[in-house]
Amino acid sequence: MVAAATPQTVYRTLLATHGPQGWWPAETPFEVMVGAILTQNTSWRHVERALDQVRAETALSAEALLALDPARLAELLRPSGYYRVKTRRLLAFCERYHAAGGLEPLAALATPRLREWLLATPGIGPETADDILLYAFARPVFVVDAYTRRLFSRLGLLGGDEDYETIRGWFERALSDDVALLQEYHALIVAHAKHACRARPVCAGCALRACCPSSEPSQES
């Protein structure tokens, strides 16, 4: 019989298995915001290459990015993929960020209002907005991504067809408003999805196998 999983038991198991992940790798909150936009539809290693190129060219600030020739910025962002689209999105964000007065005025907004502001920016959807809220502004929100849907659907805790807000609300009700825990949880889900709960799962040795009704008993690798 498969033991039932809960968000809390999954978190404890993943933390014991993978250890602290130390997310988000950035020197400033603004760098987190830039990274959240660039990481859409690509891996973090590609984003790091793009960020390194930008840092080698200019300061990583809204003002410096807006001062760059858009064609040059696009070339610097090329490693992140979809670089022309991301250039437009990043510049749109920088314009609104600069117009809002930067970090301090935005940080003074209540979380629902700040989330509305982020979602009103072209190219920023719920997942990117919540990445920014959680890691740049340290707000207690749960980030839902494709890895979350895959893992918790396989665990039988999600049906797989719920919308983003339904899943986010369910996790936030189930967990505390501990920002550090929420930051770690998202990172651990990503780590586990890459290590074991892949598109083609590697069930052998998976720390969640005992509570996963989707596990494959005969799988050896």
N, C-alpha and C. Protein backbone atom coordinates (compact mmCIF):
# COMPACT_ATOMS: atom_id res chain seq x y z
N MET A 1 0.85 -1.19 0.00
CA MET A 1 0.00 0.00 0.00
C MET A 1 0.89 1.25 0.00
N VAL A 2 0.57 2.22 -0.85
CA VAL A 2 1.36 3.44 -0.95
C VAL A 2 0.92 4.42 0.12
N ALA A 3 1.88 4.92 0.90
CA ALA A 3 1.57 5.90 1.94
C ALA A 3 1.19 7.23 1.29
N ALA A 4 0.25 7.94 1.90
CA ALA A 4 -0.20 9.21 1.35
C ALA A 4 0.83 10.30 1.61
N ALA A 5 1.08 11.11 0.60
CA ALA A 5 2.00 12.24 0.73
C ALA A 5 1.21 13.49 1.09
N THR A 6 1.88 14.44 1.71
CA THR A 6 1.32 15.77 1.96
C THR A 6 2.38 16.79 1.53
N PRO A 7 2.00 18.03 1.30
CA PRO A 7 3.02 19.03 0.97
C PRO A 7 4.14 19.10 2.00
N GLN A 8 3.80 18.94 3.28
CA GLN A 8 4.81 19.01 4.33
C GLN A 8 5.77 17.83 4.29
N THR A 9 5.23 16.62 4.11
CA THR A 9 6.12 15.44 4.09
C THR A 9 6.99 15.44 2.83
N VAL A 10 6.44 15.93 1.73
CA VAL A 10 7.24 16.01 0.51
C VAL A 10 8.40 16.98 0.71
N TYR A 11 8.12 18.12 1.31
CA TYR A 11 9.18 19.10 1.56
C TYR A 11 10.29 18.51 2.43
N ARG A 12 9.91 17.87 3.52
CA ARG A 12 10.93 17.32 4.43
C ARG A 12 11.76 16.25 3.72
N THR A 13 11.10 15.42 2.92
CA THR A 13 11.82 14.36 2.21
C THR A 13 12.79 14.95 1.18
N LEU A 14 12.33 15.93 0.43
CA LEU A 14 13.19 16.54 -0.58
C LEU A 14 14.37 17.27 0.05
N LEU A 15 14.13 17.95 1.16
CA LEU A 15 15.22 18.66 1.83
C LEU A 15 16.26 17.67 2.35
N ALA A 16 15.80 16.56 2.94
CA ALA A 16 16.73 15.55 3.45
C ALA A 16 17.51 14.89 2.31
N THR A 17 16.88 14.78 1.16
CA THR A 17 17.51 14.10 0.03
C THR A 17 18.49 15.00 -0.72
N HIS A 18 18.07 16.21 -1.03
CA HIS A 18 18.87 17.09 -1.90
C HIS A 18 19.65 18.17 -1.14
N GLY A 19 19.25 18.44 0.09
CA GLY A 19 19.91 19.49 0.86
C GLY A 19 19.51 20.88 0.40
N PRO A 20 19.90 21.90 1.15
CA PRO A 20 19.55 23.28 0.78
C PRO A 20 20.12 23.65 -0.59
N GLN A 21 19.31 24.34 -1.36
CA GLN A 21 19.69 24.67 -2.74
C GLN A 21 20.29 26.07 -2.89
N GLY A 22 20.04 26.94 -1.92
CA GLY A 22 20.65 28.27 -1.96
C GLY A 22 20.15 29.16 -3.07
N TRP A 23 18.87 29.05 -3.42
CA TRP A 23 18.31 29.91 -4.46
C TRP A 23 17.91 31.26 -3.88
N TRP A 24 17.89 32.37 -4.61
CA TRP A 24 18.12 32.52 -6.04
C TRP A 24 19.54 33.03 -6.21
N PRO A 25 20.33 32.50 -7.12
CA PRO A 25 21.72 32.97 -7.30
C PRO A 25 21.77 34.35 -7.94
N ALA A 26 21.87 35.40 -7.12
CA ALA A 26 21.91 36.77 -7.64
C ALA A 26 22.53 37.68 -6.59
N GLU A 27 23.11 38.78 -7.04
CA GLU A 27 23.74 39.73 -6.13
C GLU A 27 22.79 40.82 -5.66
N THR A 28 21.74 41.11 -6.43
CA THR A 28 20.79 42.16 -6.08
C THR A 28 19.37 41.72 -6.40
N PRO A 29 18.36 42.33 -5.78
CA PRO A 29 16.98 42.01 -6.15
C PRO A 29 16.69 42.28 -7.62
N PHE A 30 17.27 43.35 -8.18
CA PHE A 30 17.03 43.63 -9.59
C PHE A 30 17.59 42.52 -10.47
N GLU A 31 18.72 41.96 -10.10
CA GLU A 31 19.28 40.85 -10.86
C GLU A 31 18.35 39.64 -10.82
N VAL A 32 17.69 39.42 -9.68
CA VAL A 32 16.70 38.35 -9.59
C VAL A 32 15.58 38.59 -10.61
N MET A 33 15.12 39.82 -10.69
CA MET A 33 14.04 40.15 -11.61
C MET A 33 14.45 39.90 -13.06
N VAL A 34 15.65 40.34 -13.40
CA VAL A 34 16.15 40.12 -14.76
C VAL A 34 16.26 38.62 -15.04
N GLY A 35 16.81 37.88 -14.10
CA GLY A 35 16.96 36.44 -14.27
C GLY A 35 15.63 35.73 -14.43
N ALA A 36 14.62 36.19 -13.68
CA ALA A 36 13.29 35.57 -13.77
C ALA A 36 12.69 35.76 -15.16
N ILE A 37 12.95 36.89 -15.76
CA ILE A 37 12.44 37.14 -17.12
C ILE A 37 13.22 36.31 -18.15
N LEU A 38 14.53 36.26 -17.98
CA LEU A 38 15.36 35.56 -18.96
C LEU A 38 15.23 34.04 -18.88
N THR A 39 14.87 33.51 -17.72
CA THR A 39 14.84 32.06 -17.57
C THR A 39 13.58 31.44 -18.16
N GLN A 40 12.68 32.25 -18.67
CA GLN A 40 11.49 31.71 -19.33
C GLN A 40 11.91 30.84 -20.52
N ASN A 41 11.45 29.60 -20.52
CA ASN A 41 11.68 28.66 -21.63
C ASN A 41 13.15 28.35 -21.90
N THR A 42 13.96 28.39 -20.87
CA THR A 42 15.36 27.99 -21.05
C THR A 42 15.93 27.54 -19.72
N SER A 43 17.15 27.01 -19.76
CA SER A 43 17.79 26.55 -18.53
C SER A 43 18.59 27.68 -17.90
N TRP A 44 18.87 27.53 -16.61
CA TRP A 44 19.58 28.59 -15.89
C TRP A 44 21.00 28.79 -16.41
N ARG A 45 21.64 27.73 -16.85
CA ARG A 45 23.02 27.89 -17.33
C ARG A 45 23.07 28.81 -18.54
N HIS A 46 22.04 28.80 -19.38
CA HIS A 46 21.99 29.71 -20.51
C HIS A 46 21.75 31.15 -20.04
N VAL A 47 20.93 31.29 -19.01
CA VAL A 47 20.70 32.63 -18.45
C VAL A 47 22.00 33.18 -17.86
N GLU A 48 22.74 32.34 -17.17
CA GLU A 48 24.01 32.79 -16.57
C GLU A 48 24.97 33.31 -17.64
N ARG A 49 25.02 32.64 -18.77
CA ARG A 49 25.89 33.11 -19.86
C ARG A 49 25.46 34.48 -20.34
N ALA A 50 24.15 34.67 -20.48
CA ALA A 50 23.64 35.97 -20.92
C ALA A 50 23.94 37.05 -19.88
N LEU A 51 23.73 36.73 -18.61
CA LEU A 51 23.99 37.71 -17.55
C LEU A 51 25.47 38.07 -17.49
N ASP A 52 26.32 37.09 -17.67
CA ASP A 52 27.76 37.37 -17.67
C ASP A 52 28.13 38.33 -18.80
N GLN A 53 27.52 38.14 -19.94
CA GLN A 53 27.81 39.02 -21.08
C GLN A 53 27.32 40.44 -20.80
N VAL A 54 26.15 40.56 -20.17
CA VAL A 54 25.63 41.89 -19.85
C VAL A 54 26.55 42.57 -18.84
N ARG A 55 26.96 41.84 -17.80
CA ARG A 55 27.84 42.42 -16.78
C ARG A 55 29.17 42.88 -17.37
N ALA A 56 29.65 42.15 -18.35
CA ALA A 56 30.92 42.53 -18.98
C ALA A 56 30.78 43.80 -19.80
N GLU A 57 29.55 44.13 -20.18
CA GLU A 57 29.29 45.29 -21.04
C GLU A 57 28.90 46.53 -20.24
N THR A 58 28.07 46.33 -19.20
CA THR A 58 27.53 47.47 -18.48
C THR A 58 27.04 47.04 -17.11
N ALA A 59 26.59 48.00 -16.32
CA ALA A 59 26.03 47.68 -15.00
C ALA A 59 24.70 46.97 -15.17
N LEU A 60 24.38 46.11 -14.22
CA LEU A 60 23.11 45.39 -14.27
C LEU A 60 22.07 46.20 -13.49
N SER A 61 21.60 47.24 -14.14
CA SER A 61 20.58 48.11 -13.55
C SER A 61 19.60 48.50 -14.64
N ALA A 62 18.42 48.95 -14.24
CA ALA A 62 17.42 49.33 -15.22
C ALA A 62 17.93 50.47 -16.10
N GLU A 63 18.57 51.44 -15.47
CA GLU A 63 19.05 52.61 -16.21
C GLU A 63 20.12 52.22 -17.23
N ALA A 64 21.03 51.35 -16.83
CA ALA A 64 22.11 50.94 -17.73
C ALA A 64 21.56 50.12 -18.89
N LEU A 65 20.60 49.25 -18.63
CA LEU A 65 20.03 48.43 -19.70
C LEU A 65 19.24 49.30 -20.68
N LEU A 66 18.53 50.28 -20.16
CA LEU A 66 17.77 51.17 -21.03
C LEU A 66 18.69 52.04 -21.89
N ALA A 67 19.90 52.30 -21.39
CA ALA A 67 20.85 53.13 -22.13
C ALA A 67 21.54 52.37 -23.26
N LEU A 68 21.50 51.05 -23.19
CA LEU A 68 22.12 50.25 -24.25
C LEU A 68 21.30 50.31 -25.54
N ASP A 69 21.97 50.22 -26.66
CA ASP A 69 21.28 50.06 -27.91
C ASP A 69 20.51 48.73 -27.88
N PRO A 70 19.22 48.73 -28.18
CA PRO A 70 18.43 47.49 -28.10
C PRO A 70 19.02 46.33 -28.90
N ALA A 71 19.61 46.64 -30.05
CA ALA A 71 20.21 45.58 -30.86
C ALA A 71 21.41 44.98 -30.14
N ARG A 72 22.17 45.83 -29.46
CA ARG A 72 23.33 45.32 -28.71
C ARG A 72 22.87 44.49 -27.51
N LEU A 73 21.83 44.96 -26.83
CA LEU A 73 21.31 44.18 -25.70
C LEU A 73 20.80 42.82 -26.18
N ALA A 74 20.14 42.81 -27.30
CA ALA A 74 19.64 41.54 -27.85
C ALA A 74 20.79 40.57 -28.11
N GLU A 75 21.88 41.08 -28.62
CA GLU A 75 23.04 40.23 -28.88
C GLU A 75 23.61 39.68 -27.58
N LEU A 76 23.65 40.49 -26.56
CA LEU A 76 24.15 40.04 -25.26
C LEU A 76 23.25 38.97 -24.66
N LEU A 77 21.96 39.08 -24.94
CA LEU A 77 20.99 38.13 -24.37
C LEU A 77 20.81 36.88 -25.22
N ARG A 78 21.49 36.80 -26.34
CA ARG A 78 21.32 35.68 -27.27
C ARG A 78 21.42 34.31 -26.58
N PRO A 79 22.38 34.07 -25.65
CA PRO A 79 22.48 32.74 -25.04
C PRO A 79 21.21 32.29 -24.31
N SER A 80 20.37 33.23 -23.91
CA SER A 80 19.17 32.87 -23.15
C SER A 80 18.04 32.33 -24.02
N GLY A 81 18.21 32.37 -25.35
CA GLY A 81 17.16 31.88 -26.23
C GLY A 81 16.01 32.87 -26.37
N TYR A 82 15.32 32.81 -27.51
CA TYR A 82 14.22 33.75 -27.78
C TYR A 82 14.65 35.16 -27.43
N TYR A 83 15.88 35.50 -27.80
CA TYR A 83 16.51 36.69 -27.26
C TYR A 83 15.87 37.99 -27.74
N ARG A 84 15.30 38.01 -28.91
CA ARG A 84 14.63 39.23 -29.37
C ARG A 84 13.37 39.49 -28.55
N VAL A 85 12.60 38.44 -28.32
CA VAL A 85 11.40 38.57 -27.49
C VAL A 85 11.79 38.97 -26.07
N LYS A 86 12.81 38.33 -25.54
CA LYS A 86 13.22 38.63 -24.17
C LYS A 86 13.80 40.04 -24.05
N THR A 87 14.43 40.52 -25.09
CA THR A 87 14.92 41.90 -25.07
C THR A 87 13.75 42.87 -24.95
N ARG A 88 12.72 42.64 -25.74
CA ARG A 88 11.53 43.51 -25.66
C ARG A 88 10.90 43.45 -24.28
N ARG A 89 10.78 42.24 -23.74
CA ARG A 89 10.17 42.09 -22.42
C ARG A 89 11.01 42.73 -21.32
N LEU A 90 12.31 42.54 -21.40
CA LEU A 90 13.19 43.09 -20.38
C LEU A 90 13.18 44.62 -20.43
N LEU A 91 13.22 45.18 -21.63
CA LEU A 91 13.20 46.64 -21.74
C LEU A 91 11.87 47.21 -21.27
N ALA A 92 10.77 46.52 -21.57
CA ALA A 92 9.46 46.96 -21.08
C ALA A 92 9.42 46.96 -19.56
N PHE A 93 9.99 45.91 -18.98
CA PHE A 93 10.05 45.84 -17.52
C PHE A 93 10.92 46.96 -16.97
N CYS A 94 12.08 47.19 -17.57
CA CYS A 94 12.99 48.23 -17.08
C CYS A 94 12.35 49.61 -17.15
N GLU A 95 11.60 49.87 -18.20
CA GLU A 95 10.91 51.15 -18.33
C GLU A 95 9.90 51.35 -17.21
N ARG A 96 9.13 50.33 -16.92
CA ARG A 96 8.13 50.43 -15.86
C ARG A 96 8.79 50.49 -14.48
N TYR A 97 9.83 49.72 -14.30
CA TYR A 97 10.57 49.71 -13.03
C TYR A 97 11.17 51.09 -12.77
N HIS A 98 11.78 51.67 -13.77
CA HIS A 98 12.38 53.00 -13.64
C HIS A 98 11.30 54.05 -13.37
N ALA A 99 10.20 53.97 -14.11
CA ALA A 99 9.11 54.93 -13.93
C ALA A 99 8.48 54.83 -12.54
N ALA A 100 8.48 53.63 -11.97
CA ALA A 100 7.91 53.42 -10.64
C ALA A 100 8.82 53.92 -9.53
N GLY A 101 10.06 54.26 -9.88
CA GLY A 101 10.99 54.75 -8.87
C GLY A 101 11.97 53.73 -8.36
N GLY A 102 11.94 52.51 -8.94
CA GLY A 102 12.90 51.49 -8.54
C GLY A 102 12.43 50.62 -7.39
N LEU A 103 13.38 50.04 -6.70
CA LEU A 103 13.09 49.00 -5.71
C LEU A 103 12.27 49.49 -4.53
N GLU A 104 12.66 50.60 -3.92
CA GLU A 104 12.03 51.00 -2.66
C GLU A 104 10.54 51.28 -2.79
N PRO A 105 10.10 52.08 -3.76
CA PRO A 105 8.65 52.29 -3.89
C PRO A 105 7.87 51.01 -4.17
N LEU A 106 8.45 50.12 -4.97
CA LEU A 106 7.76 48.87 -5.26
C LEU A 106 7.72 47.97 -4.02
N ALA A 107 8.81 47.95 -3.26
CA ALA A 107 8.86 47.12 -2.06
C ALA A 107 7.87 47.59 -1.01
N ALA A 108 7.44 48.85 -1.10
CA ALA A 108 6.48 49.38 -0.13
C ALA A 108 5.05 48.95 -0.44
N LEU A 109 4.82 48.39 -1.63
CA LEU A 109 3.48 47.95 -2.00
C LEU A 109 3.11 46.66 -1.28
N ALA A 110 1.84 46.52 -0.95
CA ALA A 110 1.35 45.24 -0.42
C ALA A 110 1.48 44.18 -1.50
N THR A 111 1.60 42.93 -1.07
CA THR A 111 1.85 41.85 -2.03
C THR A 111 0.81 41.76 -3.15
N PRO A 112 -0.50 41.83 -2.86
CA PRO A 112 -1.46 41.76 -3.97
C PRO A 112 -1.29 42.89 -4.97
N ARG A 113 -1.02 44.10 -4.47
CA ARG A 113 -0.83 45.24 -5.38
C ARG A 113 0.45 45.09 -6.19
N LEU A 114 1.51 44.62 -5.55
CA LEU A 114 2.77 44.42 -6.25
C LEU A 114 2.63 43.34 -7.32
N ARG A 115 1.89 42.30 -7.01
CA ARG A 115 1.66 41.23 -7.99
C ARG A 115 0.88 41.77 -9.19
N GLU A 116 -0.11 42.61 -8.93
CA GLU A 116 -0.86 43.23 -10.02
C GLU A 116 0.06 44.06 -10.90
N TRP A 117 0.97 44.80 -10.26
CA TRP A 117 1.92 45.63 -11.02
C TRP A 117 2.80 44.76 -11.91
N LEU A 118 3.29 43.68 -11.38
CA LEU A 118 4.14 42.78 -12.16
C LEU A 118 3.37 42.17 -13.32
N LEU A 119 2.16 41.71 -13.07
CA LEU A 119 1.37 41.05 -14.11
C LEU A 119 0.93 42.02 -15.20
N ALA A 120 0.95 43.31 -14.90
CA ALA A 120 0.59 44.31 -15.91
C ALA A 120 1.75 44.59 -16.87
N THR A 121 2.91 44.01 -16.60
CA THR A 121 4.08 44.20 -17.45
C THR A 121 4.05 43.19 -18.60
N PRO A 122 4.18 43.62 -19.84
CA PRO A 122 4.15 42.69 -20.97
C PRO A 122 5.19 41.57 -20.81
N GLY A 123 4.74 40.34 -20.99
CA GLY A 123 5.64 39.20 -20.94
C GLY A 123 5.83 38.60 -19.57
N ILE A 124 5.24 39.19 -18.54
CA ILE A 124 5.34 38.63 -17.19
C ILE A 124 4.02 37.97 -16.83
N GLY A 125 4.05 36.65 -16.73
CA GLY A 125 2.89 35.88 -16.34
C GLY A 125 2.95 35.51 -14.87
N PRO A 126 2.01 34.70 -14.39
CA PRO A 126 1.96 34.36 -12.97
C PRO A 126 3.23 33.72 -12.42
N GLU A 127 3.83 32.79 -13.16
CA GLU A 127 5.02 32.12 -12.64
C GLU A 127 6.18 33.09 -12.50
N THR A 128 6.43 33.92 -13.51
CA THR A 128 7.51 34.89 -13.43
C THR A 128 7.24 35.91 -12.34
N ALA A 129 6.00 36.38 -12.25
CA ALA A 129 5.64 37.33 -11.20
C ALA A 129 5.91 36.75 -9.82
N ASP A 130 5.54 35.50 -9.61
CA ASP A 130 5.74 34.90 -8.30
C ASP A 130 7.20 34.59 -8.02
N ASP A 131 7.97 34.26 -9.05
CA ASP A 131 9.43 34.15 -8.88
C ASP A 131 9.99 35.46 -8.33
N ILE A 132 9.57 36.57 -8.92
CA ILE A 132 10.07 37.87 -8.51
C ILE A 132 9.59 38.22 -7.11
N LEU A 133 8.32 37.96 -6.83
CA LEU A 133 7.79 38.24 -5.50
C LEU A 133 8.53 37.45 -4.42
N LEU A 134 8.75 36.17 -4.68
CA LEU A 134 9.35 35.29 -3.68
C LEU A 134 10.83 35.57 -3.47
N TYR A 135 11.56 35.70 -4.57
CA TYR A 135 13.02 35.78 -4.45
C TYR A 135 13.59 37.19 -4.46
N ALA A 136 12.91 38.14 -5.09
CA ALA A 136 13.41 39.52 -5.10
C ALA A 136 12.82 40.36 -3.97
N PHE A 137 11.53 40.10 -3.66
CA PHE A 137 10.85 40.91 -2.65
C PHE A 137 10.56 40.13 -1.36
N ALA A 138 10.96 38.86 -1.32
CA ALA A 138 10.78 38.02 -0.12
C ALA A 138 9.33 38.02 0.37
N ARG A 139 8.41 37.84 -0.57
CA ARG A 139 6.99 37.74 -0.22
C ARG A 139 6.59 36.26 -0.13
N PRO A 140 5.70 35.92 0.79
CA PRO A 140 5.34 34.51 0.99
C PRO A 140 4.35 33.99 -0.04
N VAL A 141 4.85 33.72 -1.24
CA VAL A 141 4.02 33.15 -2.30
C VAL A 141 4.64 31.83 -2.75
N PHE A 142 3.83 30.97 -3.32
CA PHE A 142 4.32 29.69 -3.83
C PHE A 142 4.39 29.76 -5.34
N VAL A 143 5.54 29.42 -5.89
CA VAL A 143 5.74 29.45 -7.34
C VAL A 143 5.33 28.10 -7.94
N VAL A 144 4.44 28.15 -8.91
CA VAL A 144 3.97 26.93 -9.58
C VAL A 144 4.60 26.88 -10.96
N ASP A 145 5.31 25.79 -11.24
CA ASP A 145 5.88 25.61 -12.58
C ASP A 145 5.52 24.22 -13.10
N ALA A 146 6.04 23.90 -14.27
CA ALA A 146 5.72 22.60 -14.88
C ALA A 146 6.22 21.45 -14.02
N TYR A 147 7.34 21.65 -13.33
CA TYR A 147 7.86 20.60 -12.45
C TYR A 147 6.91 20.33 -11.29
N THR A 148 6.32 21.39 -10.75
CA THR A 148 5.36 21.24 -9.66
C THR A 148 4.17 20.42 -10.12
N ARG A 149 3.65 20.75 -11.27
CA ARG A 149 2.49 20.02 -11.80
C ARG A 149 2.83 18.54 -12.02
N ARG A 150 4.01 18.29 -12.59
CA ARG A 150 4.40 16.91 -12.88
C ARG A 150 4.55 16.10 -11.59
N LEU A 151 5.32 16.64 -10.65
CA LEU A 151 5.60 15.90 -9.42
C LEU A 151 4.34 15.63 -8.62
N PHE A 152 3.54 16.65 -8.40
CA PHE A 152 2.38 16.48 -7.51
C PHE A 152 1.22 15.79 -8.20
N SER A 153 1.19 15.79 -9.51
CA SER A 153 0.21 14.96 -10.22
C SER A 153 0.59 13.49 -10.07
N ARG A 154 1.87 13.18 -10.19
CA ARG A 154 2.31 11.79 -10.03
C ARG A 154 2.12 11.31 -8.60
N LEU A 155 2.22 12.22 -7.65
CA LEU A 155 2.00 11.86 -6.25
C LEU A 155 0.52 11.73 -5.92
N GLY A 156 -0.35 12.09 -6.86
CA GLY A 156 -1.78 11.98 -6.64
C GLY A 156 -2.38 13.15 -5.88
N LEU A 157 -1.62 14.23 -5.71
CA LEU A 157 -2.10 15.38 -4.95
C LEU A 157 -2.71 16.45 -5.85
N LEU A 158 -2.45 16.36 -7.14
CA LEU A 158 -3.07 17.23 -8.12
C LEU A 158 -3.69 16.37 -9.22
N GLY A 159 -4.77 16.89 -9.80
CA GLY A 159 -5.39 16.17 -10.89
C GLY A 159 -4.66 16.37 -12.20
N GLY A 160 -3.93 17.49 -12.30
CA GLY A 160 -3.16 17.77 -13.50
C GLY A 160 -3.77 18.82 -14.39
N ASP A 161 -5.06 19.15 -14.16
CA ASP A 161 -5.71 20.12 -15.03
C ASP A 161 -6.13 21.38 -14.28
N GLU A 162 -5.67 21.53 -13.03
CA GLU A 162 -6.01 22.73 -12.26
C GLU A 162 -5.30 23.96 -12.84
N ASP A 163 -5.92 25.12 -12.70
CA ASP A 163 -5.26 26.32 -13.19
C ASP A 163 -4.22 26.80 -12.17
N TYR A 164 -3.43 27.76 -12.61
CA TYR A 164 -2.30 28.22 -11.79
C TYR A 164 -2.75 28.70 -10.42
N GLU A 165 -3.78 29.55 -10.39
CA GLU A 165 -4.19 30.14 -9.12
C GLU A 165 -4.75 29.11 -8.16
N THR A 166 -5.41 28.10 -8.67
CA THR A 166 -5.93 27.03 -7.81
C THR A 166 -4.79 26.29 -7.13
N ILE A 167 -3.76 25.97 -7.90
CA ILE A 167 -2.61 25.25 -7.33
C ILE A 167 -1.86 26.14 -6.34
N ARG A 168 -1.63 27.39 -6.71
CA ARG A 168 -0.92 28.30 -5.82
C ARG A 168 -1.66 28.46 -4.50
N GLY A 169 -2.97 28.65 -4.57
CA GLY A 169 -3.77 28.81 -3.36
C GLY A 169 -3.73 27.57 -2.48
N TRP A 170 -3.77 26.39 -3.11
CA TRP A 170 -3.75 25.14 -2.34
C TRP A 170 -2.45 25.01 -1.57
N PHE A 171 -1.33 25.27 -2.23
CA PHE A 171 -0.04 25.18 -1.54
C PHE A 171 0.07 26.23 -0.44
N GLU A 172 -0.34 27.45 -0.72
CA GLU A 172 -0.19 28.51 0.27
C GLU A 172 -1.06 28.26 1.50
N ARG A 173 -2.21 27.64 1.32
CA ARG A 173 -3.04 27.28 2.47
C ARG A 173 -2.43 26.12 3.25
N ALA A 174 -1.77 25.21 2.55
CA ALA A 174 -1.20 24.02 3.20
C ALA A 174 0.10 24.32 3.93
N LEU A 175 0.84 25.34 3.47
CA LEU A 175 2.15 25.64 4.04
C LEU A 175 2.09 26.90 4.88
N SER A 176 3.16 27.15 5.61
CA SER A 176 3.25 28.38 6.40
C SER A 176 3.63 29.54 5.49
N ASP A 177 3.67 30.74 6.06
CA ASP A 177 4.11 31.90 5.28
C ASP A 177 5.59 32.17 5.49
N ASP A 178 6.34 31.12 5.79
CA ASP A 178 7.79 31.19 5.98
C ASP A 178 8.45 31.36 4.61
N VAL A 179 8.97 32.55 4.35
CA VAL A 179 9.54 32.84 3.04
C VAL A 179 10.71 31.92 2.72
N ALA A 180 11.58 31.68 3.71
CA ALA A 180 12.73 30.82 3.47
C ALA A 180 12.29 29.41 3.07
N LEU A 181 11.25 28.91 3.71
CA LEU A 181 10.74 27.57 3.36
C LEU A 181 10.17 27.57 1.94
N LEU A 182 9.41 28.59 1.60
CA LEU A 182 8.82 28.65 0.27
C LEU A 182 9.89 28.78 -0.81
N GLN A 183 10.93 29.55 -0.53
CA GLN A 183 12.04 29.66 -1.47
C GLN A 183 12.74 28.32 -1.66
N GLU A 184 12.98 27.64 -0.55
CA GLU A 184 13.67 26.36 -0.61
C GLU A 184 12.81 25.30 -1.29
N TYR A 185 11.51 25.32 -1.01
CA TYR A 185 10.62 24.31 -1.57
C TYR A 185 10.62 24.36 -3.10
N HIS A 186 10.49 25.54 -3.64
CA HIS A 186 10.48 25.66 -5.11
C HIS A 186 11.78 25.13 -5.70
N ALA A 187 12.89 25.50 -5.09
CA ALA A 187 14.19 25.05 -5.59
C ALA A 187 14.32 23.53 -5.49
N LEU A 188 13.82 22.96 -4.41
CA LEU A 188 13.90 21.50 -4.22
C LEU A 188 13.05 20.75 -5.24
N ILE A 189 11.89 21.30 -5.56
CA ILE A 189 11.05 20.67 -6.59
C ILE A 189 11.78 20.63 -7.93
N VAL A 190 12.43 21.74 -8.27
CA VAL A 190 13.20 21.79 -9.51
C VAL A 190 14.32 20.75 -9.49
N ALA A 191 15.04 20.69 -8.37
CA ALA A 191 16.15 19.74 -8.24
C ALA A 191 15.65 18.30 -8.38
N HIS A 192 14.54 17.99 -7.73
CA HIS A 192 14.04 16.61 -7.78
C HIS A 192 13.51 16.26 -9.17
N ALA A 193 12.88 17.23 -9.83
CA ALA A 193 12.36 16.97 -11.17
C ALA A 193 13.48 16.70 -12.16
N LYS A 194 14.61 17.34 -11.96
CA LYS A 194 15.75 17.12 -12.85
C LYS A 194 16.48 15.83 -12.51
N HIS A 195 16.47 15.45 -11.24
CA HIS A 195 17.21 14.27 -10.79
C HIS A 195 16.42 12.98 -10.98
N ALA A 196 15.14 13.00 -10.60
CA ALA A 196 14.37 11.75 -10.58
C ALA A 196 13.03 11.86 -11.31
N CYS A 197 12.24 12.89 -11.00
CA CYS A 197 10.89 12.97 -11.55
C CYS A 197 10.93 13.68 -12.90
N ARG A 198 11.66 13.08 -13.83
CA ARG A 198 11.82 13.63 -15.17
C ARG A 198 10.59 13.33 -16.02
N ALA A 199 10.61 13.82 -17.25
CA ALA A 199 9.52 13.48 -18.16
C ALA A 199 9.38 11.96 -18.27
N ARG A 200 10.54 11.29 -18.36
CA ARG A 200 10.58 9.83 -18.21
C ARG A 200 11.18 9.57 -16.84
N PRO A 201 10.37 9.26 -15.84
CA PRO A 201 10.84 9.23 -14.45
C PRO A 201 11.89 8.16 -14.18
N VAL A 202 12.80 8.48 -13.28
CA VAL A 202 13.79 7.53 -12.78
C VAL A 202 13.33 7.15 -11.37
N CYS A 203 12.47 6.14 -11.29
CA CYS A 203 11.82 5.80 -10.03
C CYS A 203 12.76 5.05 -9.08
N ALA A 204 13.68 4.27 -9.62
CA ALA A 204 14.59 3.53 -8.75
C ALA A 204 15.43 4.51 -7.96
N GLY A 205 15.39 4.39 -6.66
CA GLY A 205 16.17 5.27 -5.80
C GLY A 205 15.50 6.59 -5.48
N CYS A 206 14.31 6.85 -6.02
CA CYS A 206 13.61 8.09 -5.75
C CYS A 206 13.17 8.13 -4.29
N ALA A 207 13.47 9.22 -3.63
CA ALA A 207 13.16 9.35 -2.20
C ALA A 207 11.66 9.38 -1.93
N LEU A 208 10.85 9.70 -2.95
CA LEU A 208 9.41 9.79 -2.78
C LEU A 208 8.68 8.54 -3.26
N ARG A 209 9.44 7.53 -3.61
CA ARG A 209 8.83 6.34 -4.22
C ARG A 209 7.79 5.68 -3.33
N ALA A 210 8.03 5.67 -2.02
CA ALA A 210 7.11 4.99 -1.10
C ALA A 210 5.75 5.67 -1.03
N CYS A 211 5.69 6.95 -1.39
CA CYS A 211 4.40 7.66 -1.32
C CYS A 211 3.91 8.06 -2.70
N CYS A 212 4.48 7.46 -3.74
CA CYS A 212 4.11 7.84 -5.11
C CYS A 212 3.33 6.72 -5.79
N PRO A 213 2.03 6.91 -5.99
CA PRO A 213 1.24 5.86 -6.65
C PRO A 213 1.60 5.67 -8.12
N SER A 214 2.38 6.59 -8.68
CA SER A 214 2.76 6.49 -10.09
C SER A 214 4.11 5.83 -10.29
N SER A 215 4.78 5.44 -9.20
CA SER A 215 6.12 4.87 -9.32
C SER A 215 6.07 3.54 -10.05
N GLU A 216 7.18 3.21 -10.67
CA GLU A 216 7.29 1.99 -11.46
C GLU A 216 8.12 0.96 -10.70
N PRO A 217 7.48 -0.03 -10.06
CA PRO A 217 8.19 -0.97 -9.21
C PRO A 217 9.30 -1.75 -9.90
N SER A 218 9.12 -2.00 -11.20
CA SER A 218 10.10 -2.84 -11.90
C SER A 218 11.27 -2.04 -12.46
N GLN A 219 11.21 -0.68 -12.35
CA GLN A 219 12.25 0.13 -12.96
C GLN A 219 13.55 0.05 -12.17
N GLU A 220 14.64 -0.13 -12.86
CA GLU A 220 15.94 -0.25 -12.19
C GLU A 220 16.86 0.92 -12.48
N SER A 221 16.58 1.73 -13.48
CA SER A 221 17.43 2.88 -13.80
C SER A 221 16.63 3.97 -14.46
